[in-house]
Amino acid sequence: MCQAVITSAQLRAARSLLGIDQRQLAELSGLSVPTVQRMEASEGVVRGNVDSLMKLIAALDQAGIELIGPGAVSQGGGRGVRLKAGLGSGRSDGQTGNVGA
């Protein structure tokens, strides 16, 4: 697991990269749909139950998402998400790459 902090923008971008909806993310992470909705609707860094955050981050990690923290080296700079190296895209439109968040 890359970090224990995720922003709402990173969460939405990660879900988009995977091509899944909030219900599917809730199933992957073992959280309720309303919990995922609250996390995505928050401003900035997602706050909440530490156990829920860890489940969410672990599920994204297992799905092949790498969280890019504020101090990490990335072409665009700043926070973001990307698919881990060597993984194909989970998206049906074939897009891959980094998504700034």
N, C-alpha and C. Protein backbone atom coordinates (compact mmCIF):
# COMPACT_ATOMS: atom_id res chain seq x y z
N MET A 1 0.85 -1.16 0.00
CA MET A 1 0.00 0.00 0.00
C MET A 1 0.89 1.22 0.00
N CYS A 2 0.53 2.18 -0.80
CA CYS A 2 1.38 3.32 -1.08
C CYS A 2 1.30 4.39 0.00
N GLN A 3 0.15 4.68 0.51
CA GLN A 3 -0.03 5.74 1.50
C GLN A 3 -1.35 5.54 2.21
N ALA A 4 -1.51 6.23 3.34
CA ALA A 4 -2.76 6.12 4.09
C ALA A 4 -3.62 7.36 3.91
N VAL A 5 -3.30 8.19 2.92
CA VAL A 5 -4.04 9.41 2.67
C VAL A 5 -4.49 9.41 1.21
N ILE A 6 -5.74 9.79 1.00
CA ILE A 6 -6.28 9.89 -0.35
C ILE A 6 -7.23 11.09 -0.39
N THR A 7 -7.19 11.83 -1.48
CA THR A 7 -8.12 12.95 -1.64
C THR A 7 -9.36 12.46 -2.37
N SER A 8 -10.42 13.24 -2.25
CA SER A 8 -11.66 12.87 -2.96
C SER A 8 -11.43 12.88 -4.47
N ALA A 9 -10.60 13.81 -4.95
CA ALA A 9 -10.31 13.86 -6.39
C ALA A 9 -9.53 12.62 -6.82
N GLN A 10 -8.59 12.16 -6.00
CA GLN A 10 -7.86 10.92 -6.32
C GLN A 10 -8.81 9.74 -6.35
N LEU A 11 -9.73 9.70 -5.42
CA LEU A 11 -10.69 8.60 -5.34
C LEU A 11 -11.55 8.54 -6.61
N ARG A 12 -12.07 9.69 -7.02
CA ARG A 12 -12.89 9.73 -8.25
C ARG A 12 -12.05 9.37 -9.47
N ALA A 13 -10.81 9.86 -9.53
CA ALA A 13 -9.94 9.57 -10.67
C ALA A 13 -9.58 8.08 -10.72
N ALA A 14 -9.31 7.49 -9.56
CA ALA A 14 -8.98 6.06 -9.51
C ALA A 14 -10.15 5.22 -9.99
N ARG A 15 -11.33 5.58 -9.54
CA ARG A 15 -12.53 4.84 -9.97
C ARG A 15 -12.72 4.98 -11.47
N SER A 16 -12.47 6.15 -12.00
CA SER A 16 -12.59 6.39 -13.44
C SER A 16 -11.57 5.56 -14.22
N LEU A 17 -10.33 5.53 -13.75
CA LEU A 17 -9.31 4.72 -14.41
C LEU A 17 -9.70 3.25 -14.47
N LEU A 18 -10.32 2.77 -13.41
CA LEU A 18 -10.74 1.37 -13.35
C LEU A 18 -12.02 1.12 -14.14
N GLY A 19 -12.75 2.18 -14.45
CA GLY A 19 -13.99 2.03 -15.20
C GLY A 19 -15.10 1.39 -14.38
N ILE A 20 -15.13 1.72 -13.08
CA ILE A 20 -16.15 1.14 -12.21
C ILE A 20 -17.01 2.25 -11.60
N ASP A 21 -18.20 1.88 -11.13
CA ASP A 21 -19.07 2.85 -10.50
C ASP A 21 -18.93 2.76 -8.98
N GLN A 22 -19.64 3.63 -8.27
CA GLN A 22 -19.53 3.66 -6.82
C GLN A 22 -19.97 2.35 -6.18
N ARG A 23 -20.98 1.73 -6.73
CA ARG A 23 -21.45 0.45 -6.19
C ARG A 23 -20.36 -0.62 -6.29
N GLN A 24 -19.69 -0.66 -7.44
CA GLN A 24 -18.63 -1.65 -7.62
C GLN A 24 -17.45 -1.38 -6.69
N LEU A 25 -17.11 -0.11 -6.50
CA LEU A 25 -16.03 0.23 -5.57
C LEU A 25 -16.41 -0.16 -4.14
N ALA A 26 -17.66 0.07 -3.78
CA ALA A 26 -18.14 -0.32 -2.45
C ALA A 26 -18.00 -1.83 -2.26
N GLU A 27 -18.36 -2.60 -3.27
CA GLU A 27 -18.24 -4.06 -3.19
C GLU A 27 -16.78 -4.48 -3.06
N LEU A 28 -15.90 -3.88 -3.86
CA LEU A 28 -14.47 -4.23 -3.82
C LEU A 28 -13.85 -3.93 -2.46
N SER A 29 -14.30 -2.86 -1.83
CA SER A 29 -13.69 -2.42 -0.58
C SER A 29 -14.43 -2.90 0.67
N GLY A 30 -15.59 -3.50 0.49
CA GLY A 30 -16.36 -3.96 1.64
C GLY A 30 -17.03 -2.82 2.40
N LEU A 31 -17.25 -1.71 1.71
CA LEU A 31 -17.90 -0.55 2.32
C LEU A 31 -19.31 -0.40 1.75
N SER A 32 -20.10 0.44 2.39
CA SER A 32 -21.44 0.71 1.86
C SER A 32 -21.35 1.76 0.75
N VAL A 33 -22.35 1.77 -0.12
CA VAL A 33 -22.40 2.77 -1.19
C VAL A 33 -22.46 4.18 -0.59
N PRO A 34 -23.30 4.43 0.44
CA PRO A 34 -23.31 5.78 1.02
C PRO A 34 -21.95 6.23 1.56
N THR A 35 -21.17 5.29 2.11
CA THR A 35 -19.83 5.64 2.60
C THR A 35 -18.94 6.08 1.46
N VAL A 36 -18.95 5.34 0.36
CA VAL A 36 -18.15 5.71 -0.82
C VAL A 36 -18.62 7.06 -1.35
N GLN A 37 -19.92 7.28 -1.40
CA GLN A 37 -20.47 8.55 -1.88
C GLN A 37 -20.01 9.71 -1.00
N ARG A 38 -20.03 9.53 0.32
CA ARG A 38 -19.57 10.58 1.23
C ARG A 38 -18.10 10.87 1.02
N MET A 39 -17.30 9.82 0.85
CA MET A 39 -15.86 10.01 0.64
C MET A 39 -15.60 10.80 -0.64
N GLU A 40 -16.30 10.47 -1.70
CA GLU A 40 -16.10 11.16 -2.97
C GLU A 40 -16.61 12.59 -2.94
N ALA A 41 -17.61 12.87 -2.11
CA ALA A 41 -18.20 14.20 -2.06
C ALA A 41 -17.44 15.16 -1.14
N SER A 42 -16.52 14.62 -0.34
CA SER A 42 -15.79 15.48 0.59
C SER A 42 -14.83 16.40 -0.15
N GLU A 43 -14.36 17.41 0.54
CA GLU A 43 -13.40 18.36 -0.02
C GLU A 43 -12.00 17.97 0.42
N GLY A 44 -11.06 17.94 -0.50
CA GLY A 44 -9.66 17.68 -0.15
C GLY A 44 -9.43 16.26 0.32
N VAL A 45 -8.60 16.13 1.37
CA VAL A 45 -8.25 14.81 1.91
C VAL A 45 -9.49 14.17 2.52
N VAL A 46 -9.73 12.92 2.16
CA VAL A 46 -10.88 12.18 2.68
C VAL A 46 -10.65 11.90 4.16
N ARG A 47 -11.63 12.26 4.95
CA ARG A 47 -11.57 12.02 6.39
C ARG A 47 -12.67 11.02 6.75
N GLY A 48 -12.42 10.30 7.80
CA GLY A 48 -13.42 9.33 8.22
C GLY A 48 -12.78 8.24 9.05
N ASN A 49 -13.50 7.17 9.20
CA ASN A 49 -13.05 6.01 9.94
C ASN A 49 -11.78 5.46 9.30
N VAL A 50 -10.73 5.32 10.10
CA VAL A 50 -9.44 4.85 9.58
C VAL A 50 -9.57 3.47 8.95
N ASP A 51 -10.35 2.59 9.56
CA ASP A 51 -10.53 1.25 9.02
C ASP A 51 -11.17 1.30 7.63
N SER A 52 -12.16 2.18 7.46
CA SER A 52 -12.81 2.32 6.15
C SER A 52 -11.83 2.86 5.12
N LEU A 53 -11.04 3.86 5.50
CA LEU A 53 -10.04 4.41 4.58
C LEU A 53 -9.02 3.36 4.16
N MET A 54 -8.58 2.56 5.12
CA MET A 54 -7.59 1.52 4.82
C MET A 54 -8.19 0.46 3.89
N LYS A 55 -9.45 0.09 4.10
CA LYS A 55 -10.12 -0.87 3.22
C LYS A 55 -10.21 -0.32 1.80
N LEU A 56 -10.56 0.95 1.69
CA LEU A 56 -10.69 1.58 0.38
C LEU A 56 -9.35 1.63 -0.34
N ILE A 57 -8.31 2.08 0.34
CA ILE A 57 -6.99 2.19 -0.27
C ILE A 57 -6.46 0.81 -0.63
N ALA A 58 -6.69 -0.19 0.23
CA ALA A 58 -6.25 -1.56 -0.07
C ALA A 58 -6.97 -2.11 -1.30
N ALA A 59 -8.26 -1.83 -1.42
CA ALA A 59 -9.03 -2.31 -2.58
C ALA A 59 -8.51 -1.67 -3.87
N LEU A 60 -8.21 -0.38 -3.83
CA LEU A 60 -7.66 0.30 -5.01
C LEU A 60 -6.29 -0.27 -5.36
N ASP A 61 -5.48 -0.53 -4.34
CA ASP A 61 -4.16 -1.12 -4.55
C ASP A 61 -4.29 -2.49 -5.21
N GLN A 62 -5.18 -3.32 -4.70
CA GLN A 62 -5.41 -4.66 -5.26
C GLN A 62 -5.91 -4.59 -6.70
N ALA A 63 -6.65 -3.53 -7.02
CA ALA A 63 -7.19 -3.36 -8.38
C ALA A 63 -6.15 -2.80 -9.35
N GLY A 64 -4.97 -2.44 -8.81
CA GLY A 64 -3.89 -1.96 -9.68
C GLY A 64 -3.70 -0.47 -9.72
N ILE A 65 -4.25 0.24 -8.75
CA ILE A 65 -4.11 1.69 -8.70
C ILE A 65 -2.94 2.07 -7.81
N GLU A 66 -2.11 2.97 -8.31
CA GLU A 66 -1.02 3.54 -7.51
C GLU A 66 -1.38 4.98 -7.20
N LEU A 67 -1.40 5.32 -5.92
CA LEU A 67 -1.67 6.70 -5.51
C LEU A 67 -0.38 7.49 -5.57
N ILE A 68 -0.44 8.67 -6.14
CA ILE A 68 0.72 9.54 -6.24
C ILE A 68 0.55 10.64 -5.20
N GLY A 69 1.43 10.63 -4.20
CA GLY A 69 1.34 11.62 -3.13
C GLY A 69 1.93 12.96 -3.54
N PRO A 70 1.78 13.98 -2.70
CA PRO A 70 2.24 15.32 -3.05
C PRO A 70 3.74 15.42 -3.24
N GLY A 71 4.53 14.56 -2.61
CA GLY A 71 5.99 14.62 -2.74
C GLY A 71 6.56 13.65 -3.75
N ALA A 72 5.71 12.86 -4.40
CA ALA A 72 6.18 11.85 -5.34
C ALA A 72 6.56 12.47 -6.67
N VAL A 73 7.45 11.79 -7.36
CA VAL A 73 7.87 12.25 -8.68
C VAL A 73 6.82 11.83 -9.71
N SER A 74 6.29 12.80 -10.41
CA SER A 74 5.34 12.53 -11.49
C SER A 74 5.48 13.65 -12.51
N GLN A 75 5.18 13.35 -13.75
CA GLN A 75 5.35 14.33 -14.81
C GLN A 75 4.51 15.58 -14.59
N GLY A 76 3.30 15.40 -14.13
CA GLY A 76 2.40 16.53 -13.96
C GLY A 76 2.59 17.27 -12.64
N GLY A 77 3.29 16.67 -11.70
CA GLY A 77 3.45 17.25 -10.38
C GLY A 77 2.17 17.13 -9.58
N GLY A 78 2.29 17.20 -8.27
CA GLY A 78 1.12 17.13 -7.41
C GLY A 78 0.55 15.73 -7.26
N ARG A 79 -0.58 15.69 -6.59
CA ARG A 79 -1.25 14.41 -6.33
C ARG A 79 -1.88 13.86 -7.60
N GLY A 80 -2.09 12.55 -7.60
CA GLY A 80 -2.77 11.92 -8.72
C GLY A 80 -2.88 10.43 -8.50
N VAL A 81 -3.27 9.73 -9.55
CA VAL A 81 -3.36 8.27 -9.53
C VAL A 81 -2.87 7.75 -10.87
N ARG A 82 -2.41 6.52 -10.88
CA ARG A 82 -2.03 5.87 -12.13
C ARG A 82 -2.17 4.36 -11.95
N LEU A 83 -2.28 3.69 -13.09
CA LEU A 83 -2.27 2.23 -13.05
C LEU A 83 -0.86 1.78 -12.78
N LYS A 84 -0.69 0.73 -12.00
CA LYS A 84 0.64 0.20 -11.72
C LYS A 84 1.27 -0.30 -13.01
N ALA A 85 2.58 -0.23 -13.10
CA ALA A 85 3.31 -0.68 -14.28
C ALA A 85 2.99 -2.14 -14.57
N GLY A 86 2.84 -2.45 -15.85
CA GLY A 86 2.61 -3.82 -16.27
C GLY A 86 1.16 -4.25 -16.24
N LEU A 87 0.28 -3.37 -15.79
CA LEU A 87 -1.13 -3.72 -15.75
C LEU A 87 -1.83 -3.09 -16.92
N GLY A 88 -2.76 -3.80 -17.48
CA GLY A 88 -3.58 -3.24 -18.55
C GLY A 88 -4.60 -2.30 -17.95
N SER A 89 -5.33 -1.68 -18.79
CA SER A 89 -6.38 -0.77 -18.34
C SER A 89 -7.62 -1.56 -17.97
N GLY A 90 -8.25 -1.18 -16.87
CA GLY A 90 -9.53 -1.77 -16.50
C GLY A 90 -10.68 -1.11 -17.23
N ARG A 91 -10.37 -0.11 -18.05
CA ARG A 91 -11.41 0.66 -18.72
C ARG A 91 -11.82 0.01 -20.02
N SER A 92 -13.06 0.19 -20.34
CA SER A 92 -13.58 -0.35 -21.59
C SER A 92 -13.22 0.51 -22.78
N ASP A 93 -12.81 1.78 -22.55
CA ASP A 93 -12.47 2.65 -23.67
C ASP A 93 -11.00 2.56 -24.07
N GLY A 94 -10.22 1.72 -23.36
CA GLY A 94 -8.83 1.49 -23.73
C GLY A 94 -7.85 2.55 -23.27
N GLN A 95 -8.31 3.60 -22.57
CA GLN A 95 -7.40 4.64 -22.12
C GLN A 95 -6.59 4.14 -20.94
N THR A 96 -5.32 4.55 -20.90
CA THR A 96 -4.46 4.24 -19.77
C THR A 96 -3.68 5.49 -19.42
N GLY A 97 -2.88 5.41 -18.37
CA GLY A 97 -1.99 6.51 -18.05
C GLY A 97 -2.31 7.15 -16.72
N ASN A 98 -1.70 8.31 -16.51
CA ASN A 98 -1.84 9.04 -15.25
C ASN A 98 -3.07 9.93 -15.30
N VAL A 99 -3.65 10.12 -14.15
CA VAL A 99 -4.75 11.07 -14.02
C VAL A 99 -4.41 11.96 -12.84
N GLY A 100 -4.30 13.25 -13.07
CA GLY A 100 -4.03 14.19 -11.99
C GLY A 100 -5.26 14.35 -11.14
N ALA A 101 -5.04 14.58 -9.87
CA ALA A 101 -6.19 14.74 -8.98
C ALA A 101 -5.92 15.85 -8.00
